[in-house]
PDB file of N, CA and C in Angstrom:
ATOM      1  N   MET A   1     102.136 104.243 114.580  1.00  0.00           N
ATOM      2  CA  MET A   1     101.930 102.870 114.177  1.00  0.00           C
ATOM      3  C   MET A   1     100.725 102.326 114.933  1.00  0.00           C
ATOM      4  N   THR A   2      99.847 101.657 114.214  1.00  0.00           N
ATOM      5  CA  THR A   2      98.689 101.029 114.817  1.00  0.00           C
ATOM      6  C   THR A   2      98.846  99.521 114.740  1.00  0.00           C
ATOM      7  N   VAL A   3      98.741  98.848 115.880  1.00  0.00           N
ATOM      8  CA  VAL A   3      98.826  97.389 115.921  1.00  0.00           C
ATOM      9  C   VAL A   3      97.475  96.856 116.353  1.00  0.00           C
ATOM     10  N   THR A   4      96.931  95.934 115.564  1.00  0.00           N
ATOM     11  CA  THR A   4      95.673  95.283 115.896  1.00  0.00           C
ATOM     12  C   THR A   4      95.921  93.791 115.959  1.00  0.00           C
ATOM     13  N   VAL A   5      95.617  93.178 117.082  1.00  0.00           N
ATOM     14  CA  VAL A   5      95.749  91.735 117.211  1.00  0.00           C
ATOM     15  C   VAL A   5      94.351  91.175 117.386  1.00  0.00           C
ATOM     16  N   LEU A   6      93.943  90.340 116.445  1.00  0.00           N
ATOM     17  CA  LEU A   6      92.612  89.768 116.458  1.00  0.00           C
ATOM     18  C   LEU A   6      92.617  88.439 117.193  1.00  0.00           C
ATOM     19  N   ALA A   7      91.561  88.146 117.905  1.00  0.00           N
ATOM     20  CA  ALA A   7      91.449  86.866 118.594  1.00  0.00           C
ATOM     21  C   ALA A   7      91.322  85.760 117.565  1.00  0.00           C
ATOM     22  N   GLY A   8      91.866  84.631 117.884  1.00  0.00           N
ATOM     23  CA  GLY A   8      91.746  83.493 116.981  1.00  0.00           C
ATOM     24  C   GLY A   8      93.092  82.883 116.700  1.00  0.00           C
ATOM     25  N   GLY A   9      93.160  82.172 115.617  1.00  0.00           N
ATOM     26  CA  GLY A   9      94.352  81.417 115.262  1.00  0.00           C
ATOM     27  C   GLY A   9      95.471  82.302 114.751  1.00  0.00           C
ATOM     28  N   PRO A  10      96.382  81.698 113.991  1.00  0.00           N
ATOM     29  CA  PRO A  10      97.511  82.463 113.448  1.00  0.00           C
ATOM     30  C   PRO A  10      97.034  83.463 112.404  1.00  0.00           C
ATOM     31  N   PHE A  11      97.958  84.250 111.902  1.00  0.00           N
ATOM     32  CA  PHE A  11      97.677  85.233 110.861  1.00  0.00           C
ATOM     33  C   PHE A  11      96.700  86.295 111.337  1.00  0.00           C
ATOM     34  N   THR A  12      96.928  86.835 112.536  1.00  0.00           N
ATOM     35  CA  THR A  12      95.978  87.789 113.094  1.00  0.00           C
ATOM     36  C   THR A  12      96.602  89.112 113.509  1.00  0.00           C
ATOM     37  N   ALA A  13      97.856  89.362 113.265  1.00  0.00           N
ATOM     38  CA  ALA A  13      98.490  90.614 113.677  1.00  0.00           C
ATOM     39  C   ALA A  13      98.537  91.592 112.513  1.00  0.00           C
ATOM     40  N   ILE A  14      97.854  92.725 112.686  1.00  0.00           N
ATOM     41  CA  ILE A  14      97.797  93.758 111.650  1.00  0.00           C
ATOM     42  C   ILE A  14      98.559  94.982 112.152  1.00  0.00           C
ATOM     43  N   VAL A  15      99.566  95.423 111.389  1.00  0.00           N
ATOM     44  CA  VAL A  15     100.337  96.609 111.731  1.00  0.00           C
ATOM     45  C   VAL A  15     100.193  97.591 110.578  1.00  0.00           C
ATOM     46  N   ASP A  16      99.620  98.753 110.864  1.00  0.00           N
ATOM     47  CA  ASP A  16      99.381  99.778 109.838  1.00  0.00           C
ATOM     48  C   ASP A  16      98.746  99.188 108.581  1.00  0.00           C
ATOM     49  N   GLY A  17      97.759  98.320 108.773  1.00  0.00           N
ATOM     50  CA  GLY A  17      97.022  97.737 107.661  1.00  0.00           C
ATOM     51  C   GLY A  17      97.681  96.540 107.007  1.00  0.00           C
ATOM     52  N   VAL A  18      98.823  96.085 107.536  1.00  0.00           N
ATOM     53  CA  VAL A  18      99.546  94.962 106.946  1.00  0.00           C
ATOM     54  C   VAL A  18      99.502  93.782 107.907  1.00  0.00           C
ATOM     55  N   ASN A  19      99.069  92.629 107.423  1.00  0.00           N
ATOM     56  CA  ASN A  19      99.062  91.411 108.217  1.00  0.00           C
ATOM     57  C   ASN A  19     100.485  90.858 108.212  1.00  0.00           C
ATOM     58  N   VAL A  20     101.224  91.105 109.291  1.00  0.00           N
ATOM     59  CA  VAL A  20     102.640  90.733 109.331  1.00  0.00           C
ATOM     60  C   VAL A  20     102.853  89.227 109.373  1.00  0.00           C
ATOM     61  N   ASP A  21     101.897  88.474 109.883  1.00  0.00           N
ATOM     62  CA  ASP A  21     102.012  87.013 109.849  1.00  0.00           C
ATOM     63  C   ASP A  21     101.934  86.496 108.416  1.00  0.00           C
ATOM     64  N   LEU A  22     101.028  87.076 107.613  1.00  0.00           N
ATOM     65  CA  LEU A  22     100.943  86.680 106.206  1.00  0.00           C
ATOM     66  C   LEU A  22     102.189  87.097 105.439  1.00  0.00           C
ATOM     67  N   VAL A  23     102.733  88.277 105.748  1.00  0.00           N
ATOM     68  CA  VAL A  23     103.965  88.723 105.106  1.00  0.00           C
ATOM     69  C   VAL A  23     105.102  87.742 105.429  1.00  0.00           C
ATOM     70  N   ALA A  24     105.226  87.363 106.698  1.00  0.00           N
ATOM     71  CA  ALA A  24     106.281  86.424 107.103  1.00  0.00           C
ATOM     72  C   ALA A  24     106.135  85.098 106.363  1.00  0.00           C
ATOM     73  N   ALA A  25     104.916  84.582 106.271  1.00  0.00           N
ATOM     74  CA  ALA A  25     104.691  83.319 105.568  1.00  0.00           C
ATOM     75  C   ALA A  25     105.018  83.451 104.080  1.00  0.00           C
ATOM     76  N   ALA A  26     104.644  84.578 103.490  1.00  0.00           N
ATOM     77  CA  ALA A  26     104.911  84.800 102.070  1.00  0.00           C
ATOM     78  C   ALA A  26     106.407  84.860 101.799  1.00  0.00           C
ATOM     79  N   VAL A  27     107.149  85.571 102.648  1.00  0.00           N
ATOM     80  CA  VAL A  27     108.593  85.690 102.466  1.00  0.00           C
ATOM     81  C   VAL A  27     109.267  84.343 102.665  1.00  0.00           C
ATOM     82  N   ARG A  28     108.880  83.626 103.708  1.00  0.00           N
ATOM     83  CA  ARG A  28     109.485  82.305 103.962  1.00  0.00           C
ATOM     84  C   ARG A  28     109.173  81.308 102.856  1.00  0.00           C
ATOM     85  N   GLY A  29     108.127  81.563 102.087  1.00  0.00           N
ATOM     86  CA  GLY A  29     107.779  80.702 100.970  1.00  0.00           C
ATOM     87  C   GLY A  29     108.586  80.956  99.707  1.00  0.00           C
ATOM     88  N   CYS A  30     109.405  81.980  99.700  1.00  0.00           N
ATOM     89  CA  CYS A  30     110.226  82.297  98.531  1.00  0.00           C
ATOM     90  C   CYS A  30     111.413  81.330  98.464  1.00  0.00           C
ATOM     91  N   PRO A  31     111.650  80.695  97.318  1.00  0.00           N
ATOM     92  CA  PRO A  31     112.742  79.727  97.207  1.00  0.00           C
ATOM     93  C   PRO A  31     114.127  80.308  97.500  1.00  0.00           C
ATOM     94  N   ALA A  32     114.339  81.589  97.240  1.00  0.00           N
ATOM     95  CA  ALA A  32     115.658  82.194  97.456  1.00  0.00           C
ATOM     96  C   ALA A  32     115.886  82.634  98.899  1.00  0.00           C
ATOM     97  N   VAL A  33     114.869  82.524  99.756  1.00  0.00           N
ATOM     98  CA  VAL A  33     114.980  82.968 101.149  1.00  0.00           C
ATOM     99  C   VAL A  33     115.276  81.783 102.060  1.00  0.00           C
ATOM    100  N   ALA A  34     116.362  81.889 102.835  1.00  0.00           N
ATOM    101  CA  ALA A  34     116.659  80.870 103.848  1.00  0.00           C
ATOM    102  C   ALA A  34     115.798  81.117 105.077  1.00  0.00           C
ATOM    103  N   ASP A  35     115.704  82.392 105.510  1.00  0.00           N
ATOM    104  CA  ASP A  35     114.829  82.752 106.627  1.00  0.00           C
ATOM    105  C   ASP A  35     114.841  84.262 106.817  1.00  0.00           C
ATOM    106  N   LEU A  36     113.877  84.731 107.588  1.00  0.00           N
ATOM    107  CA  LEU A  36     113.868  86.127 108.024  1.00  0.00           C
ATOM    108  C   LEU A  36     114.923  86.294 109.103  1.00  0.00           C
ATOM    109  N   MET A  37     115.487  87.503 109.220  1.00  0.00           N
ATOM    110  CA  MET A  37     116.540  87.759 110.204  1.00  0.00           C
ATOM    111  C   MET A  37     116.318  89.080 110.917  1.00  0.00           C
ATOM    112  N   ALA A  38     116.518  89.069 112.228  1.00  0.00           N
ATOM    113  CA  ALA A  38     116.555  90.312 113.004  1.00  0.00           C
ATOM    114  C   ALA A  38     118.017  90.747 113.102  1.00  0.00           C
ATOM    115  N   GLY A  39     118.272  91.806 113.816  1.00  0.00           N
ATOM    116  CA  GLY A  39     119.642  92.242 114.064  1.00  0.00           C
ATOM    117  C   GLY A  39     120.193  93.121 112.967  1.00  0.00           C
ATOM    118  N   ALA A  40     121.518  93.248 112.980  1.00  0.00           N
ATOM    119  CA  ALA A  40     122.205  94.133 112.042  1.00  0.00           C
ATOM    120  C   ALA A  40     122.015  93.632 110.617  1.00  0.00           C
ATOM    121  N   PRO A  41     121.958  94.491 109.620  1.00  0.00           N
ATOM    122  CA  PRO A  41     122.209  95.909 109.719  1.00  0.00           C
ATOM    123  C   PRO A  41     120.984  96.770 110.043  1.00  0.00           C
ATOM    124  N   SER A  42     119.767  96.290 109.789  1.00  0.00           N
ATOM    125  CA  SER A  42     118.613  97.184 109.954  1.00  0.00           C
ATOM    126  C   SER A  42     117.881  97.014 111.275  1.00  0.00           C
ATOM    127  N   GLY A  43     118.080  95.895 111.952  1.00  0.00           N
ATOM    128  CA  GLY A  43     117.356  95.645 113.196  1.00  0.00           C
ATOM    129  C   GLY A  43     115.882  95.378 112.976  1.00  0.00           C
ATOM    130  N   ALA A  44     115.504  94.934 111.787  1.00  0.00           N
ATOM    131  CA  ALA A  44     114.100  94.737 111.452  1.00  0.00           C
ATOM    132  C   ALA A  44     113.445  93.677 112.330  1.00  0.00           C
ATOM    133  N   ALA A  45     112.368  94.068 112.989  1.00  0.00           N
ATOM    134  CA  ALA A  45     111.557  93.153 113.786  1.00  0.00           C
ATOM    135  C   ALA A  45     110.237  93.851 114.097  1.00  0.00           C
ATOM    136  N   THR A  46     109.184  93.059 114.215  1.00  0.00           N
ATOM    137  CA  THR A  46     107.878  93.570 114.609  1.00  0.00           C
ATOM    138  C   THR A  46     107.560  93.005 115.980  1.00  0.00           C
ATOM    139  N   TYR A  47     107.290  93.895 116.927  1.00  0.00           N
ATOM    140  CA  TYR A  47     106.995  93.489 118.299  1.00  0.00           C
ATOM    141  C   TYR A  47     105.493  93.486 118.505  1.00  0.00           C
ATOM    142  N   LEU A  48     104.981  92.353 118.933  1.00  0.00           N
ATOM    143  CA  LEU A  48     103.554  92.158 119.153  1.00  0.00           C
ATOM    144  C   LEU A  48     103.346  91.690 120.587  1.00  0.00           C
ATOM    145  N   PRO A  49     102.138  91.725 121.076  1.00  0.00           N
ATOM    146  CA  PRO A  49     101.898  91.245 122.439  1.00  0.00           C
ATOM    147  C   PRO A  49     102.335  89.779 122.596  1.00  0.00           C
ATOM    148  N   GLY A  50     103.337  89.556 123.415  1.00  0.00           N
ATOM    149  CA  GLY A  50     103.801  88.208 123.707  1.00  0.00           C
ATOM    150  C   GLY A  50     104.674  87.543 122.672  1.00  0.00           C
ATOM    151  N   ARG A  51     105.028  88.252 121.605  1.00  0.00           N
ATOM    152  CA  ARG A  51     105.880  87.633 120.586  1.00  0.00           C
ATOM    153  C   ARG A  51     106.524  88.691 119.702  1.00  0.00           C
ATOM    154  N   ARG A  52     107.466  88.223 118.900  1.00  0.00           N
ATOM    155  CA  ARG A  52     108.189  89.104 117.984  1.00  0.00           C
ATOM    156  C   ARG A  52     108.327  88.373 116.648  1.00  0.00           C
ATOM    157  N   ILE A  53     108.179  89.101 115.556  1.00  0.00           N
ATOM    158  CA  ILE A  53     108.420  88.540 114.230  1.00  0.00           C
ATOM    159  C   ILE A  53     109.698  89.169 113.706  1.00  0.00           C
ATOM    160  N   ASP A  54     110.751  88.381 113.630  1.00  0.00           N
ATOM    161  CA  ASP A  54     112.041  88.878 113.163  1.00  0.00           C
ATOM    162  C   ASP A  54     112.022  89.151 111.664  1.00  0.00           C
ATOM    163  N   GLY A  55     112.767  90.178 111.263  1.00  0.00           N
ATOM    164  CA  GLY A  55     112.994  90.449 109.856  1.00  0.00           C
ATOM    165  C   GLY A  55     111.931  91.260 109.144  1.00  0.00           C
ATOM    166  N   ILE A  56     110.913  91.744 109.852  1.00  0.00           N
ATOM    167  CA  ILE A  56     109.857  92.541 109.215  1.00  0.00           C
ATOM    168  C   ILE A  56     109.599  93.788 110.040  1.00  0.00           C
ATOM    169  N   THR A  57     109.617  94.934 109.377  1.00  0.00           N
ATOM    170  CA  THR A  57     109.226  96.194 109.995  1.00  0.00           C
ATOM    171  C   THR A  57     108.250  96.889 109.057  1.00  0.00           C
ATOM    172  N   VAL A  58     107.141  97.363 109.603  1.00  0.00           N
ATOM    173  CA  VAL A  58     106.154  98.102 108.819  1.00  0.00           C
ATOM    174  C   VAL A  58     106.149  99.541 109.311  1.00  0.00           C
ATOM    175  N   THR A  59     106.386 100.466 108.393  1.00  0.00           N
ATOM    176  CA  THR A  59     106.304 101.895 108.699  1.00  0.00           C
ATOM    177  C   THR A  59     105.440 102.544 107.623  1.00  0.00           C
ATOM    178  N   ALA A  60     105.185 103.788 107.758  1.00  0.00           N
ATOM    179  CA  ALA A  60     104.277 104.524 106.860  1.00  0.00           C
ATOM    180  C   ALA A  60     104.520 104.190 105.391  1.00  0.00           C
ATOM    181  N   GLY A  61     103.721 103.271 104.861  1.00  0.00           N
ATOM    182  CA  GLY A  61     103.777 102.953 103.446  1.00  0.00           C
ATOM    183  C   GLY A  61     104.888 102.029 103.005  1.00  0.00           C
ATOM    184  N   THR A  62     105.676 101.505 103.937  1.00  0.00           N
ATOM    185  CA  THR A  62     106.808 100.649 103.579  1.00  0.00           C
ATOM    186  C   THR A  62     106.834  99.397 104.443  1.00  0.00           C
ATOM    187  N   VAL A  63     107.137  98.276 103.811  1.00  0.00           N
ATOM    188  CA  VAL A  63     107.410  97.042 104.527  1.00  0.00           C
ATOM    189  C   VAL A  63     108.883  96.738 104.296  1.00  0.00           C
ATOM    190  N   ARG A  64     109.660  96.707 105.380  1.00  0.00           N
ATOM    191  CA  ARG A  64     111.087  96.398 105.287  1.00  0.00           C
ATOM    192  C   ARG A  64     111.270  94.932 105.647  1.00  0.00           C
ATOM    193  N   ILE A  65     111.936  94.206 104.751  1.00  0.00           N
ATOM    194  CA  ILE A  65     112.167  92.784 104.926  1.00  0.00           C
ATOM    195  C   ILE A  65     113.668  92.556 105.001  1.00  0.00           C
ATOM    196  N   GLN A  66     114.116  91.876 106.055  1.00  0.00           N
ATOM    197  CA  GLN A  66     115.540  91.538 106.186  1.00  0.00           C
ATOM    198  C   GLN A  66     115.663  90.023 106.246  1.00  0.00           C
ATOM    199  N   VAL A  67     116.507  89.475 105.357  1.00  0.00           N
ATOM    200  CA  VAL A  67     116.586  88.027 105.209  1.00  0.00           C
ATOM    201  C   VAL A  67     118.019  87.510 105.191  1.00  0.00           C
ATOM    202  N   ARG A  68     118.109  86.193 105.400  1.00  0.00           N
ATOM    203  CA  ARG A  68     119.308  85.427 105.055  1.00  0.00           C
ATOM    204  C   ARG A  68     118.950  84.744 103.743  1.00  0.00           C
ATOM    205  N   SER A  69     119.763  84.978 102.735  1.00  0.00           N
ATOM    206  CA  SER A  69     119.487  84.495 101.391  1.00  0.00           C
ATOM    207  C   SER A  69     120.118  83.128 101.161  1.00  0.00           C
ATOM    208  N   ARG A  70     119.484  82.360 100.316  1.00  0.00           N
ATOM    209  CA  ARG A  70     120.141  81.163  99.788  1.00  0.00           C
ATOM    210  C   ARG A  70     121.147  81.643  98.742  1.00  0.00           C
ATOM    211  N   TRP A  71     121.927  80.765  98.209  1.00  0.00           N
ATOM    212  CA  TRP A  71     122.944  81.117  97.223  1.00  0.00           C
ATOM    213  C   TRP A  71     122.239  81.370  95.887  1.00  0.00           C
ATOM    214  N   GLN A  72     121.723  82.589  95.717  1.00  0.00           N
ATOM    215  CA  GLN A  72     120.951  83.007  94.546  1.00  0.00           C
ATOM    216  C   GLN A  72     121.371  84.426  94.167  1.00  0.00           C
ATOM    217  N   PRO A  73     121.185  84.819  92.926  1.00  0.00           N
ATOM    218  CA  PRO A  73     121.417  86.221  92.578  1.00  0.00           C
ATOM    219  C   PRO A  73     120.478  87.138  93.380  1.00  0.00           C
ATOM    220  N   ALA A  74     120.996  88.251  93.822  1.00  0.00           N
ATOM    221  CA  ALA A  74     120.219  89.187  94.638  1.00  0.00           C
ATOM    222  C   ALA A  74     119.002  89.713  93.888  1.00  0.00           C
ATOM    223  N   THR A  75     119.106  89.850  92.577  1.00  0.00           N
ATOM    224  CA  THR A  75     117.959  90.339  91.804  1.00  0.00           C
ATOM    225  C   THR A  75     116.804  89.348  91.857  1.00  0.00           C
ATOM    226  N   GLU A  76     117.102  88.042  91.796  1.00  0.00           N
ATOM    227  CA  GLU A  76     116.055  87.023  91.907  1.00  0.00           C
ATOM    228  C   GLU A  76     115.427  87.047  93.294  1.00  0.00           C
ATOM    229  N   LEU A  77     116.267  87.167  94.313  1.00  0.00           N
ATOM    230  CA  LEU A  77     115.785  87.228  95.691  1.00  0.00           C
ATOM    231  C   LEU A  77     114.824  88.397  95.868  1.00  0.00           C
ATOM    232  N   ALA A  78     115.248  89.577  95.479  1.00  0.00           N
ATOM    233  CA  ALA A  78     114.418  90.773  95.652  1.00  0.00           C
ATOM    234  C   ALA A  78     113.119  90.664  94.855  1.00  0.00           C
ATOM    235  N   GLU A  79     113.187  90.143  93.645  1.00  0.00           N
ATOM    236  CA  GLU A  79     111.986  89.996  92.826  1.00  0.00           C
ATOM    237  C   GLU A  79     110.995  89.033  93.479  1.00  0.00           C
ATOM    238  N   GLN A  80     111.490  87.900  93.979  1.00  0.00           N
ATOM    239  CA  GLN A  80     110.610  86.929  94.646  1.00  0.00           C
ATOM    240  C   GLN A  80     109.936  87.549  95.868  1.00  0.00           C
ATOM    241  N   ILE A  81     110.715  88.254  96.682  1.00  0.00           N
ATOM    242  CA  ILE A  81     110.167  88.848  97.904  1.00  0.00           C
ATOM    243  C   ILE A  81     109.159  89.933  97.568  1.00  0.00           C
ATOM    244  N   ARG A  82     109.490  90.805  96.642  1.00  0.00           N
ATOM    245  CA  ARG A  82     108.563  91.896  96.282  1.00  0.00           C
ATOM    246  C   ARG A  82     107.260  91.359  95.704  1.00  0.00           C
ATOM    247  N   ARG A  83     107.344  90.315  94.905  1.00  0.00           N
ATOM    248  CA  ARG A  83     106.136  89.718  94.345  1.00  0.00           C
ATOM    249  C   ARG A  83     105.294  89.085  95.451  1.00  0.00           C
ATOM    250  N   ALA A  84     105.926  88.344  96.353  1.00  0.00           N
ATOM    251  CA  ALA A  84     105.201  87.662  97.435  1.00  0.00           C
ATOM    252  C   ALA A  84     104.563  88.665  98.405  1.00  0.00           C
ATOM    253  N   VAL A  85     105.316  89.672  98.814  1.00  0.00           N
ATOM    254  CA  VAL A  85     104.794  90.662  99.761  1.00  0.00           C
ATOM    255  C   VAL A  85     103.756  91.545  99.079  1.00  0.00           C
ATOM    256  N   GLY A  86     103.958  91.863  97.815  1.00  0.00           N
ATOM    257  CA  GLY A  86     102.991  92.668  97.076  1.00  0.00           C
ATOM    258  C   GLY A  86     101.619  92.019  97.006  1.00  0.00           C
ATOM    259  N   ALA A  87     101.578  90.701  97.057  1.00  0.00           N
ATOM    260  CA  ALA A  87     100.295  89.997  97.016  1.00  0.00           C
ATOM    261  C   ALA A  87      99.509  90.167  98.313  1.00  0.00           C
ATOM    262  N   VAL A  88     100.205  90.365  99.445  1.00  0.00           N
ATOM    263  CA  VAL A  88      99.510  90.495 100.739  1.00  0.00           C
ATOM    264  C   VAL A  88      99.539  91.921 101.295  1.00  0.00           C
ATOM    265  N   ALA A  89     100.372  92.780 100.734  1.00  0.00           N
ATOM    266  CA  ALA A  89     100.442  94.192 101.151  1.00  0.00           C
ATOM    267  C   ALA A  89     100.616  95.063  99.904  1.00  0.00           C
ATOM    268  N   PRO A  90      99.609  95.072  99.030  1.00  0.00           N
ATOM    269  CA  PRO A  90      99.769  95.718  97.719  1.00  0.00           C
ATOM    270  C   PRO A  90      99.949  97.229  97.742  1.00  0.00           C
ATOM    271  N   LEU A  91      99.588  97.886  98.824  1.00  0.00           N
ATOM    272  CA  LEU A  91      99.685  99.347  98.872  1.00  0.00           C
ATOM    273  C   LEU A  91     100.983  99.842  99.499  1.00  0.00           C
ATOM    274  N   HIS A  92     101.899  98.940  99.803  1.00  0.00           N
ATOM    275  CA  HIS A  92     103.144  99.301 100.476  1.00  0.00           C
ATOM    276  C   HIS A  92     104.354  99.045  99.582  1.00  0.00           C
ATOM    277  N   ARG A  93     105.324  99.934  99.683  1.00  0.00           N
ATOM    278  CA  ARG A  93     106.618  99.721  99.045  1.00  0.00           C
ATOM    279  C   ARG A  93     107.317  98.615  99.819  1.00  0.00           C
ATOM    280  N   VAL A  94     108.120  97.802  99.146  1.00  0.00           N
ATOM    281  CA  VAL A  94     108.829  96.710  99.806  1.00  0.00           C
ATOM    282  C   VAL A  94     110.332  96.945  99.664  1.00  0.00           C
ATOM    283  N   ASP A  95     111.004  97.141 100.802  1.00  0.00           N
ATOM    284  CA  ASP A  95     112.458  97.260 100.830  1.00  0.00           C
ATOM    285  C   ASP A  95     113.036  95.917 101.270  1.00  0.00           C
ATOM    286  N   VAL A  96     114.064  95.450 100.579  1.00  0.00           N
ATOM    287  CA  VAL A  96     114.681  94.158 100.878  1.00  0.00           C
ATOM    288  C   VAL A  96     116.120  94.381 101.314  1.00  0.00           C
ATOM    289  N   ILE A  97     116.471  93.817 102.466  1.00  0.00           N
ATOM    290  CA  ILE A  97     117.830  93.900 102.991  1.00  0.00           C
ATOM    291  C   ILE A  97     118.364  92.481 103.135  1.00  0.00           C
ATOM    292  N   VAL A  98     119.511  92.218 102.536  1.00  0.00           N
ATOM    293  CA  VAL A  98     120.159  90.917 102.669  1.00  0.00           C
ATOM    294  C   VAL A  98     121.185  91.043 103.788  1.00  0.00           C
ATOM    295  N   ALA A  99     120.893  90.414 104.926  1.00  0.00           N
ATOM    296  CA  ALA A  99     121.775  90.504 106.087  1.00  0.00           C
ATOM    297  C   ALA A  99     122.834  89.412 106.084  1.00  0.00           C
ATOM    298  N   ASP A 100     122.563  88.314 105.397  1.00  0.00           N
ATOM    299  CA  ASP A 100     123.493  87.185 105.382  1.00  0.00           C
ATOM    300  C   ASP A 100     123.173  86.327 104.166  1.00  0.00           C
ATOM    301  N   ILE A 101     124.126  85.519 103.763  1.00  0.00           N
ATOM    302  CA  ILE A 101     123.947  84.603 102.638  1.00  0.00           C
ATOM    303  C   ILE A 101     124.451  83.234 103.069  1.00  0.00           C
ATOM    304  N   GLU A 102     123.670  82.198 102.777  1.00  0.00           N
ATOM    305  CA  GLU A 102     124.103  80.843 103.079  1.00  0.00           C
ATOM    306  C   GLU A 102     125.337  80.493 102.255  1.00  0.00           C
ATOM    307  N   ASP A 103     126.067  79.498 102.712  1.00  0.00           N
ATOM    308  CA  ASP A 103     127.214  79.017 101.949  1.00  0.00           C
ATOM    309  C   ASP A 103     126.746  78.462 100.608  1.00  0.00           C
ATOM    310  N   PRO A 104     127.608  78.536  99.590  1.00  0.00           N
ATOM    311  CA  PRO A 104     127.220  77.981  98.304  1.00  0.00           C
ATOM    312  C   PRO A 104     127.109  76.464  98.391  1.00  0.00           C
ATOM    313  N   PRO A 105     126.357  75.871  97.491  1.00  0.00           N
ATOM    314  CA  PRO A 105     126.274  74.414  97.505  1.00  0.00           C
ATOM    315  C   PRO A 105     127.628  73.793  97.208  1.00  0.00           C
ATOM    316  N   PRO A 106     127.863  72.583  97.692  1.00  0.00           N
ATOM    317  CA  PRO A 106     129.170  71.958  97.441  1.00  0.00           C
ATOM    318  C   PRO A 106     129.385  71.716  95.951  1.00  0.00           C
ATOM    319  N   ILE A 107     130.634  71.793  95.565  1.00  0.00           N
ATOM    320  CA  ILE A 107     130.999  71.561  94.171  1.00  0.00           C
ATOM    321  C   ILE A 107     131.106  70.059  93.961  1.00  0.00           C
ATOM    322  N   ARG A 108     130.436  69.580  92.928  1.00  0.00           N
ATOM    323  CA  ARG A 108     130.494  68.158  92.604  1.00  0.00           C
ATOM    324  C   ARG A 108     131.564  67.938  91.550  1.00  0.00           C
ATOM    325  N   ILE A 109     132.455  67.068  91.840  1.00  0.00           N
ATOM    326  CA  ILE A 109     133.511  66.740  90.883  1.00  0.00           C
ATOM    327  C   ILE A 109     133.174  65.391  90.282  1.00  0.00           C
ATOM    328  N   THR A 110     133.071  65.366  88.981  1.00  0.00           N
ATOM    329  CA  THR A 110     132.788  64.105  88.279  1.00  0.00           C
ATOM    330  C   THR A 110     134.015  63.705  87.495  1.00  0.00           C
ATOM    331  N   ARG A 111     134.239  62.430  87.466  1.00  0.00           N
ATOM    332  CA  ARG A 111     135.424  61.922  86.726  1.00  0.00           C
ATOM    333  C   ARG A 111     135.023  60.902  85.739  1.00  0.00           C
TER     334      ARG A 111
END
């Protein structure tokens, strides 16, 4: 794994040709994603000098994304994430792991 950290503002960490800051922003921008998550089951995280990006691991040709999902169908979640990550890491396969799901929205009773 090659990690390159460029001087300057945000969006400067490149791991194996993938800007992990841009990937994190793209994933967090997906409506079906509550947030990126580290820990079980995959332990996905990227370790950089002085910081860590939870929920993203880049390995040879693959970007693994682990998230807490909003109350959405898993197919919509995966499609949103793959489309968003594909825009910033087009040469990598995108694996999506749902580690947790938010509670469903409250049921509204009308009378």
